[in-house]
Amino acid sequence: MTELQLTQIRNYLLEKKLPIDILLEVQDHFVSQINDLQKEENLSFDDALTKTKNSWQNELKPYWNGELDLQDRSKLLRNINRNNFWSLTKKSVCYTLPIIFLLFVLSQIIAFTYFKFIFVILVFPMIFIPIVNYLVHRKNFNLFRKYNNYILVSVQEYTILFFGGAYFYLRFFAEGFIVAEQFPMFFVAPDSKNLILGFIFVFILIFASFLAIFSQKIYLQKIQKVKPFLQYLKPSN
């Protein structure tokens, strides 16, 4: 396949507003499907491309599905976004709940004088890991700011989740020991509003950190495959 033909495929897929990591996968499918059609049905490139476009039309056509999200998205992109969300959510919950349980157990068997320090020591690194990871790899993460007219990796919106959770992080820094008090109080005042809010606060804090950590890992893996494609994109500034 010639470079001109690859450019036709690439430009067509760019019009569909796909994340670049997904676009690369779809492009491979297009190339393979076109090659097969040319061999099996003896079609010209243009005819094979048209037939391939038609076969992908339902998957790639952007549309508004009547939900609160007013942006037009293709069926393929909606499915990918949904799968990303549930995959990251399930994994984050699976890591968060054992830590919450461990903190609860420790709060019942260790004096609060010591537990409050253990609590901060366990939770504090989880808050800082995504922040440190972002700073260490800021050149890679800054790429989706440089090319903000595109989505480079489908999970990139989760990688900076800690910015949106700044309130919770700042509150933890200011009231970490106070939040820790909610754990040993579980059997003393199980119906307390502060107790419930305290558990929810810690859960959100740890969950959001894991969500950012896992999405950052995926982003850093996929951005390496996306980088060669950046030559075909126009920076936003």
C-alpha atoms as a PDB file:
ATOM      1  CA  MET A   1       0.000   0.000   0.000  1.00  0.00           C
ATOM      2  CA  THR A   2       1.394   3.397  -0.979  1.00  0.00           C
ATOM      3  CA  GLU A   3       1.923   6.353   1.341  1.00  0.00           C
ATOM      4  CA  LEU A   4      -0.779   8.283  -0.521  1.00  0.00           C
ATOM      5  CA  GLN A   5      -3.272   5.481   0.085  1.00  0.00           C
ATOM      6  CA  LEU A   6      -2.337   5.326   3.768  1.00  0.00           C
ATOM      7  CA  THR A   7      -2.845   9.090   3.952  1.00  0.00           C
ATOM      8  CA  GLN A   8      -6.379   8.690   2.557  1.00  0.00           C
ATOM      9  CA  ILE A   9      -7.194   6.141   5.250  1.00  0.00           C
ATOM     10  CA  ARG A  10      -5.588   8.244   7.970  1.00  0.00           C
ATOM     11  CA  ASN A  11      -7.415  11.447   6.987  1.00  0.00           C
ATOM     12  CA  TYR A  12     -10.738   9.641   6.834  1.00  0.00           C
ATOM     13  CA  LEU A  13     -10.282   8.225  10.335  1.00  0.00           C
ATOM     14  CA  LEU A  14      -9.132  11.578  11.742  1.00  0.00           C
ATOM     15  CA  GLU A  15     -12.473  13.023  10.633  1.00  0.00           C
ATOM     16  CA  LYS A  16     -14.202  10.519  12.926  1.00  0.00           C
ATOM     17  CA  LYS A  17     -12.672  12.162  16.037  1.00  0.00           C
ATOM     18  CA  LEU A  18     -11.335   8.898  17.429  1.00  0.00           C
ATOM     19  CA  PRO A  19      -8.670   8.860  20.151  1.00  0.00           C
ATOM     20  CA  ILE A  20      -5.381   8.367  18.351  1.00  0.00           C
ATOM     21  CA  ASP A  21      -4.572   5.098  20.119  1.00  0.00           C
ATOM     22  CA  ILE A  22      -7.906   3.709  18.907  1.00  0.00           C
ATOM     23  CA  LEU A  23      -7.456   5.254  15.464  1.00  0.00           C
ATOM     24  CA  LEU A  24      -4.196   3.325  15.046  1.00  0.00           C
ATOM     25  CA  GLU A  25      -5.955   0.049  15.792  1.00  0.00           C
ATOM     26  CA  VAL A  26      -8.820   0.836  13.414  1.00  0.00           C
ATOM     27  CA  GLN A  27      -6.316   1.896  10.757  1.00  0.00           C
ATOM     28  CA  ASP A  28      -4.656  -1.524  10.978  1.00  0.00           C
ATOM     29  CA  HIS A  29      -8.062  -3.146  10.487  1.00  0.00           C
ATOM     30  CA  PHE A  30      -8.750  -0.904   7.488  1.00  0.00           C
ATOM     31  CA  VAL A  31      -5.423  -1.760   5.850  1.00  0.00           C
ATOM     32  CA  SER A  32      -5.906  -5.482   6.440  1.00  0.00           C
ATOM     33  CA  GLN A  33      -9.508  -5.426   5.209  1.00  0.00           C
ATOM     34  CA  ILE A  34      -8.623  -3.421   2.084  1.00  0.00           C
ATOM     35  CA  ASN A  35      -5.740  -5.755   1.246  1.00  0.00           C
ATOM     36  CA  ASP A  36      -8.029  -8.779   1.623  1.00  0.00           C
ATOM     37  CA  LEU A  37     -10.691  -7.221  -0.618  1.00  0.00           C
ATOM     38  CA  GLN A  38      -8.124  -6.386  -3.280  1.00  0.00           C
ATOM     39  CA  LYS A  39      -6.826  -9.959  -3.295  1.00  0.00           C
ATOM     40  CA  GLU A  40     -10.086 -11.872  -2.892  1.00  0.00           C
ATOM     41  CA  GLU A  41     -12.419  -9.701  -4.991  1.00  0.00           C
ATOM     42  CA  ASN A  42      -9.834  -8.133  -7.301  1.00  0.00           C
ATOM     43  CA  LEU A  43     -10.993  -4.619  -6.377  1.00  0.00           C
ATOM     44  CA  SER A  44      -9.117  -1.386  -6.933  1.00  0.00           C
ATOM     45  CA  PHE A  45      -7.909   0.470  -3.861  1.00  0.00           C
ATOM     46  CA  ASP A  46     -10.673   3.088  -4.151  1.00  0.00           C
ATOM     47  CA  ASP A  47     -13.408   0.459  -4.427  1.00  0.00           C
ATOM     48  CA  ALA A  48     -11.949  -1.573  -1.562  1.00  0.00           C
ATOM     49  CA  LEU A  49     -11.697   1.578   0.578  1.00  0.00           C
ATOM     50  CA  THR A  50     -15.319   2.500  -0.150  1.00  0.00           C
ATOM     51  CA  LYS A  51     -16.502  -0.994   0.733  1.00  0.00           C
ATOM     52  CA  THR A  52     -14.466  -0.945   3.947  1.00  0.00           C
ATOM     53  CA  LYS A  53     -15.865   2.465   4.905  1.00  0.00           C
ATOM     54  CA  ASN A  54     -19.396   1.173   4.396  1.00  0.00           C
ATOM     55  CA  SER A  55     -18.738  -1.865   6.574  1.00  0.00           C
ATOM     56  CA  TRP A  56     -17.527   0.405   9.408  1.00  0.00           C
ATOM     57  CA  GLN A  57     -20.146   3.118   8.950  1.00  0.00           C
ATOM     58  CA  ASN A  58     -22.344   2.141  11.901  1.00  0.00           C
ATOM     59  CA  GLU A  59     -19.343   1.910  14.216  1.00  0.00           C
ATOM     60  CA  LEU A  60     -17.624   5.156  13.198  1.00  0.00           C
ATOM     61  CA  LYS A  61     -20.458   7.605  12.500  1.00  0.00           C
ATOM     62  CA  PRO A  62     -20.552  10.296  15.259  1.00  0.00           C
ATOM     63  CA  TYR A  63     -24.002  11.050  16.677  1.00  0.00           C
ATOM     64  CA  TRP A  64     -25.742  12.436  19.758  1.00  0.00           C
ATOM     65  CA  ASN A  65     -27.629   9.734  21.612  1.00  0.00           C
ATOM     66  CA  GLY A  66     -29.875  12.049  23.633  1.00  0.00           C
ATOM     67  CA  GLU A  67     -27.852  11.859  26.862  1.00  0.00           C
ATOM     68  CA  LEU A  68     -26.453  14.732  28.950  1.00  0.00           C
ATOM     69  CA  ASP A  69     -23.193  14.486  27.026  1.00  0.00           C
ATOM     70  CA  LEU A  70     -23.951  16.805  24.089  1.00  0.00           C
ATOM     71  CA  GLN A  71     -20.857  15.856  22.119  1.00  0.00           C
ATOM     72  CA  ASP A  72     -21.290  13.677  19.044  1.00  0.00           C
ATOM     73  CA  ARG A  73     -19.514  10.357  19.497  1.00  0.00           C
ATOM     74  CA  SER A  74     -19.417   7.184  17.449  1.00  0.00           C
ATOM     75  CA  LYS A  75     -20.801   3.882  18.677  1.00  0.00           C
ATOM     76  CA  LEU A  76     -17.260   2.504  18.784  1.00  0.00           C
ATOM     77  CA  LEU A  77     -16.011   5.379  20.938  1.00  0.00           C
ATOM     78  CA  ARG A  78     -18.973   5.153  23.325  1.00  0.00           C
ATOM     79  CA  ASN A  79     -18.311   1.444  23.835  1.00  0.00           C
ATOM     80  CA  ILE A  80     -14.601   2.045  24.408  1.00  0.00           C
ATOM     81  CA  ASN A  81     -15.268   4.860  26.892  1.00  0.00           C
ATOM     82  CA  ARG A  82     -17.776   2.687  28.742  1.00  0.00           C
ATOM     83  CA  ASN A  83     -15.378  -0.253  28.887  1.00  0.00           C
ATOM     84  CA  ASN A  84     -12.531   1.986  30.063  1.00  0.00           C
ATOM     85  CA  PHE A  85     -14.685   3.471  32.819  1.00  0.00           C
ATOM     86  CA  TRP A  86     -15.943   0.168  34.183  1.00  0.00           C
ATOM     87  CA  SER A  87     -12.583  -1.561  33.863  1.00  0.00           C
ATOM     88  CA  LEU A  88     -10.765   1.202  35.759  1.00  0.00           C
ATOM     89  CA  THR A  89     -13.581   1.526  38.300  1.00  0.00           C
ATOM     90  CA  LYS A  90     -13.685  -2.191  39.112  1.00  0.00           C
ATOM     91  CA  LYS A  91      -9.915  -2.405  39.440  1.00  0.00           C
ATOM     92  CA  SER A  92      -9.765   0.695  41.642  1.00  0.00           C
ATOM     93  CA  VAL A  93     -12.564  -0.565  43.898  1.00  0.00           C
ATOM     94  CA  CYS A  94     -10.823  -3.950  44.225  1.00  0.00           C
ATOM     95  CA  TYR A  95      -7.706  -2.186  45.510  1.00  0.00           C
ATOM     96  CA  THR A  96      -9.527   0.405  47.629  1.00  0.00           C
ATOM     97  CA  LEU A  97     -11.812  -1.856  49.671  1.00  0.00           C
ATOM     98  CA  PRO A  98      -9.016  -4.051  51.138  1.00  0.00           C
ATOM     99  CA  ILE A  99      -7.157  -0.922  52.254  1.00  0.00           C
ATOM    100  CA  ILE A 100     -10.297   0.479  53.894  1.00  0.00           C
ATOM    101  CA  PHE A 101     -10.819  -2.877  55.609  1.00  0.00           C
ATOM    102  CA  LEU A 102      -7.178  -2.983  56.755  1.00  0.00           C
ATOM    103  CA  LEU A 103      -7.454   0.516  58.202  1.00  0.00           C
ATOM    104  CA  PHE A 104     -10.647  -0.461  59.993  1.00  0.00           C
ATOM    105  CA  VAL A 105      -9.053  -3.588  61.518  1.00  0.00           C
ATOM    106  CA  LEU A 106      -5.953  -1.684  62.598  1.00  0.00           C
ATOM    107  CA  SER A 107      -8.111   1.007  64.200  1.00  0.00           C
ATOM    108  CA  GLN A 108      -9.741  -1.644  66.394  1.00  0.00           C
ATOM    109  CA  ILE A 109      -6.562  -3.348  67.596  1.00  0.00           C
ATOM    110  CA  ILE A 110      -4.133  -0.426  67.865  1.00  0.00           C
ATOM    111  CA  ALA A 111      -4.382   2.545  70.187  1.00  0.00           C
ATOM    112  CA  PHE A 112      -5.487   5.688  68.387  1.00  0.00           C
ATOM    113  CA  THR A 113      -2.270   7.439  69.439  1.00  0.00           C
ATOM    114  CA  TYR A 114      -0.412   5.109  67.057  1.00  0.00           C
ATOM    115  CA  PHE A 115      -3.194   4.405  64.565  1.00  0.00           C
ATOM    116  CA  LYS A 116      -3.495   8.027  63.438  1.00  0.00           C
ATOM    117  CA  PHE A 117       0.139   7.965  62.316  1.00  0.00           C
ATOM    118  CA  ILE A 118      -0.288   4.587  60.585  1.00  0.00           C
ATOM    119  CA  PHE A 119      -3.395   5.961  58.852  1.00  0.00           C
ATOM    120  CA  VAL A 120      -1.555   8.987  57.481  1.00  0.00           C
ATOM    121  CA  ILE A 121       1.511   6.914  56.515  1.00  0.00           C
ATOM    122  CA  LEU A 122      -0.663   4.461  54.530  1.00  0.00           C
ATOM    123  CA  VAL A 123      -2.937   6.979  52.814  1.00  0.00           C
ATOM    124  CA  PHE A 124      -0.454   9.794  52.191  1.00  0.00           C
ATOM    125  CA  PRO A 125       1.691   7.899  49.598  1.00  0.00           C
ATOM    126  CA  MET A 126      -1.414   6.880  47.644  1.00  0.00           C
ATOM    127  CA  ILE A 127      -2.297  10.540  47.254  1.00  0.00           C
ATOM    128  CA  PHE A 128       1.169  11.518  46.141  1.00  0.00           C
ATOM    129  CA  ILE A 129       1.942   8.657  43.721  1.00  0.00           C
ATOM    130  CA  PRO A 130      -0.209  10.014  40.832  1.00  0.00           C
ATOM    131  CA  ILE A 131       1.094  13.545  41.441  1.00  0.00           C
ATOM    132  CA  VAL A 132       4.737  12.433  41.471  1.00  0.00           C
ATOM    133  CA  ASN A 133       4.152  10.171  38.471  1.00  0.00           C
ATOM    134  CA  TYR A 134       2.657  13.088  36.561  1.00  0.00           C
ATOM    135  CA  LEU A 135       5.622  15.331  37.370  1.00  0.00           C
ATOM    136  CA  VAL A 136       8.207  12.661  36.508  1.00  0.00           C
ATOM    137  CA  HIS A 137       6.547  11.984  33.134  1.00  0.00           C
ATOM    138  CA  ARG A 138       5.244  15.504  32.543  1.00  0.00           C
ATOM    139  CA  LYS A 139       6.686  15.619  29.003  1.00  0.00           C
ATOM    140  CA  ASN A 140       4.456  12.714  28.022  1.00  0.00           C
ATOM    141  CA  PHE A 141       1.429  14.066  29.876  1.00  0.00           C
ATOM    142  CA  ASN A 142       1.925  17.543  28.412  1.00  0.00           C
ATOM    143  CA  LEU A 143       1.454  16.091  24.934  1.00  0.00           C
ATOM    144  CA  PHE A 144      -2.320  16.019  25.281  1.00  0.00           C
ATOM    145  CA  ARG A 145      -2.192  19.698  26.200  1.00  0.00           C
ATOM    146  CA  LYS A 146      -0.016  20.435  23.184  1.00  0.00           C
ATOM    147  CA  TYR A 147      -2.446  18.524  20.950  1.00  0.00           C
ATOM    148  CA  ASN A 148      -5.640  19.384  22.787  1.00  0.00           C
ATOM    149  CA  ASN A 149      -7.629  19.378  19.536  1.00  0.00           C
ATOM    150  CA  TYR A 150      -7.287  15.603  19.642  1.00  0.00           C
ATOM    151  CA  ILE A 151      -7.631  12.835  22.183  1.00  0.00           C
ATOM    152  CA  LEU A 152      -4.290  11.054  22.115  1.00  0.00           C
ATOM    153  CA  VAL A 153      -5.156   8.165  24.440  1.00  0.00           C
ATOM    154  CA  SER A 154      -8.692   7.125  25.324  1.00  0.00           C
ATOM    155  CA  VAL A 155      -8.037   7.106  29.109  1.00  0.00           C
ATOM    156  CA  GLN A 156      -6.190  10.422  29.297  1.00  0.00           C
ATOM    157  CA  GLU A 157      -9.039  12.242  31.073  1.00  0.00           C
ATOM    158  CA  TYR A 158      -8.537  10.006  34.124  1.00  0.00           C
ATOM    159  CA  THR A 159      -4.781  10.617  34.361  1.00  0.00           C
ATOM    160  CA  ILE A 160      -5.242  14.102  35.834  1.00  0.00           C
ATOM    161  CA  LEU A 161      -8.127  13.167  38.111  1.00  0.00           C
ATOM    162  CA  PHE A 162      -6.128  14.340  41.127  1.00  0.00           C
ATOM    163  CA  PHE A 163      -6.496  17.947  39.905  1.00  0.00           C
ATOM    164  CA  GLY A 164     -10.267  17.622  40.179  1.00  0.00           C
ATOM    165  CA  GLY A 165      -9.881  16.052  43.627  1.00  0.00           C
ATOM    166  CA  ALA A 166      -7.652  18.836  44.938  1.00  0.00           C
ATOM    167  CA  TYR A 167     -10.249  19.732  47.589  1.00  0.00           C
ATOM    168  CA  PHE A 168     -10.140  16.232  49.078  1.00  0.00           C
ATOM    169  CA  TYR A 169      -6.346  16.155  49.019  1.00  0.00           C
ATOM    170  CA  LEU A 170      -6.030  19.540  50.716  1.00  0.00           C
ATOM    171  CA  ARG A 171      -8.601  18.550  53.296  1.00  0.00           C
ATOM    172  CA  PHE A 172      -6.672  15.368  54.056  1.00  0.00           C
ATOM    173  CA  PHE A 173      -3.448  17.333  54.542  1.00  0.00           C
ATOM    174  CA  ALA A 174      -5.241  19.679  56.937  1.00  0.00           C
ATOM    175  CA  GLU A 175      -7.437  17.151  58.770  1.00  0.00           C
ATOM    176  CA  GLY A 176      -5.745  13.761  58.349  1.00  0.00           C
ATOM    177  CA  PHE A 177      -5.697  12.978  62.071  1.00  0.00           C
ATOM    178  CA  ILE A 178      -9.313  14.119  62.461  1.00  0.00           C
ATOM    179  CA  VAL A 179     -10.419  11.865  59.592  1.00  0.00           C
ATOM    180  CA  ALA A 180      -8.521   8.977  61.202  1.00  0.00           C
ATOM    181  CA  GLU A 181     -10.732   9.336  64.303  1.00  0.00           C
ATOM    182  CA  GLN A 182     -13.740   8.013  62.367  1.00  0.00           C
ATOM    183  CA  PHE A 183     -12.326   4.476  62.106  1.00  0.00           C
ATOM    184  CA  PRO A 184     -12.063   3.579  65.819  1.00  0.00           C
ATOM    185  CA  MET A 185     -15.490   5.217  66.350  1.00  0.00           C
ATOM    186  CA  PHE A 186     -17.263   2.653  64.144  1.00  0.00           C
ATOM    187  CA  PHE A 187     -18.710   0.589  67.021  1.00  0.00           C
ATOM    188  CA  VAL A 188     -19.102   3.566  69.337  1.00  0.00           C
ATOM    189  CA  ALA A 189     -21.335   5.680  67.092  1.00  0.00           C
ATOM    190  CA  PRO A 190     -22.199   3.653  63.959  1.00  0.00           C
ATOM    191  CA  ASP A 191     -25.076   5.984  63.043  1.00  0.00           C
ATOM    192  CA  SER A 192     -23.020   9.153  63.274  1.00  0.00           C
ATOM    193  CA  LYS A 193     -23.226  11.388  60.212  1.00  0.00           C
ATOM    194  CA  ASN A 194     -19.561  12.337  60.613  1.00  0.00           C
ATOM    195  CA  LEU A 195     -18.603   8.664  60.714  1.00  0.00           C
ATOM    196  CA  ILE A 196     -20.384   7.918  57.437  1.00  0.00           C
ATOM    197  CA  LEU A 197     -18.970  11.023  55.769  1.00  0.00           C
ATOM    198  CA  GLY A 198     -15.503  10.139  57.041  1.00  0.00           C
ATOM    199  CA  PHE A 199     -15.608   6.676  55.474  1.00  0.00           C
ATOM    200  CA  ILE A 200     -16.961   8.098  52.209  1.00  0.00           C
ATOM    201  CA  PHE A 201     -14.238  10.746  52.200  1.00  0.00           C
ATOM    202  CA  VAL A 202     -11.441   8.195  52.663  1.00  0.00           C
ATOM    203  CA  PHE A 203     -12.962   5.860  50.077  1.00  0.00           C
ATOM    204  CA  ILE A 204     -13.177   8.629  47.451  1.00  0.00           C
ATOM    205  CA  LEU A 205      -9.646   9.764  48.234  1.00  0.00           C
ATOM    206  CA  ILE A 206      -8.081   6.317  47.828  1.00  0.00           C
ATOM    207  CA  PHE A 207     -10.342   5.307  44.929  1.00  0.00           C
ATOM    208  CA  ALA A 208      -9.527   8.458  42.922  1.00  0.00           C
ATOM    209  CA  SER A 209      -5.812   7.935  43.529  1.00  0.00           C
ATOM    210  CA  PHE A 210      -5.911   4.354  42.243  1.00  0.00           C
ATOM    211  CA  LEU A 211      -8.022   5.418  39.270  1.00  0.00           C
ATOM    212  CA  ALA A 212      -5.400   8.017  38.358  1.00  0.00           C
ATOM    213  CA  ILE A 213      -2.506   5.591  38.931  1.00  0.00           C
ATOM    214  CA  PHE A 214      -3.968   2.845  36.716  1.00  0.00           C
ATOM    215  CA  SER A 215      -4.984   5.246  33.945  1.00  0.00           C
ATOM    216  CA  GLN A 216      -1.541   6.879  34.007  1.00  0.00           C
ATOM    217  CA  LYS A 217       0.073   3.473  33.554  1.00  0.00           C
ATOM    218  CA  ILE A 218      -2.119   2.756  30.517  1.00  0.00           C
ATOM    219  CA  TYR A 219      -1.497   6.233  29.108  1.00  0.00           C
ATOM    220  CA  LEU A 220       2.290   5.964  29.394  1.00  0.00           C
ATOM    221  CA  GLN A 221       2.234   2.595  27.617  1.00  0.00           C
ATOM    222  CA  LYS A 222      -0.010   3.729  24.772  1.00  0.00           C
ATOM    223  CA  ILE A 223       1.506   7.166  24.223  1.00  0.00           C
ATOM    224  CA  GLN A 224       4.702   5.473  23.034  1.00  0.00           C
ATOM    225  CA  LYS A 225       2.741   3.964  20.140  1.00  0.00           C
ATOM    226  CA  VAL A 226       1.003   7.276  19.481  1.00  0.00           C
ATOM    227  CA  LYS A 227       4.162   9.419  19.335  1.00  0.00           C
ATOM    228  CA  PRO A 228       5.164   8.426  15.757  1.00  0.00           C
ATOM    229  CA  PHE A 229       1.683   9.485  14.622  1.00  0.00           C
ATOM    230  CA  LEU A 230       2.038  13.003  16.060  1.00  0.00           C
ATOM    231  CA  GLN A 231       3.772  14.121  12.863  1.00  0.00           C
ATOM    232  CA  TYR A 232       0.371  13.978  11.156  1.00  0.00           C
ATOM    233  CA  LEU A 233      -1.353  16.136  13.793  1.00  0.00           C
ATOM    234  CA  LYS A 234      -1.439  19.898  14.143  1.00  0.00           C
ATOM    235  CA  PRO A 235      -0.398  21.240  17.569  1.00  0.00           C
ATOM    236  CA  SER A 236      -2.951  23.555  19.142  1.00  0.00           C
ATOM    237  CA  ASN A 237      -0.332  26.257  19.742  1.00  0.00           C
END
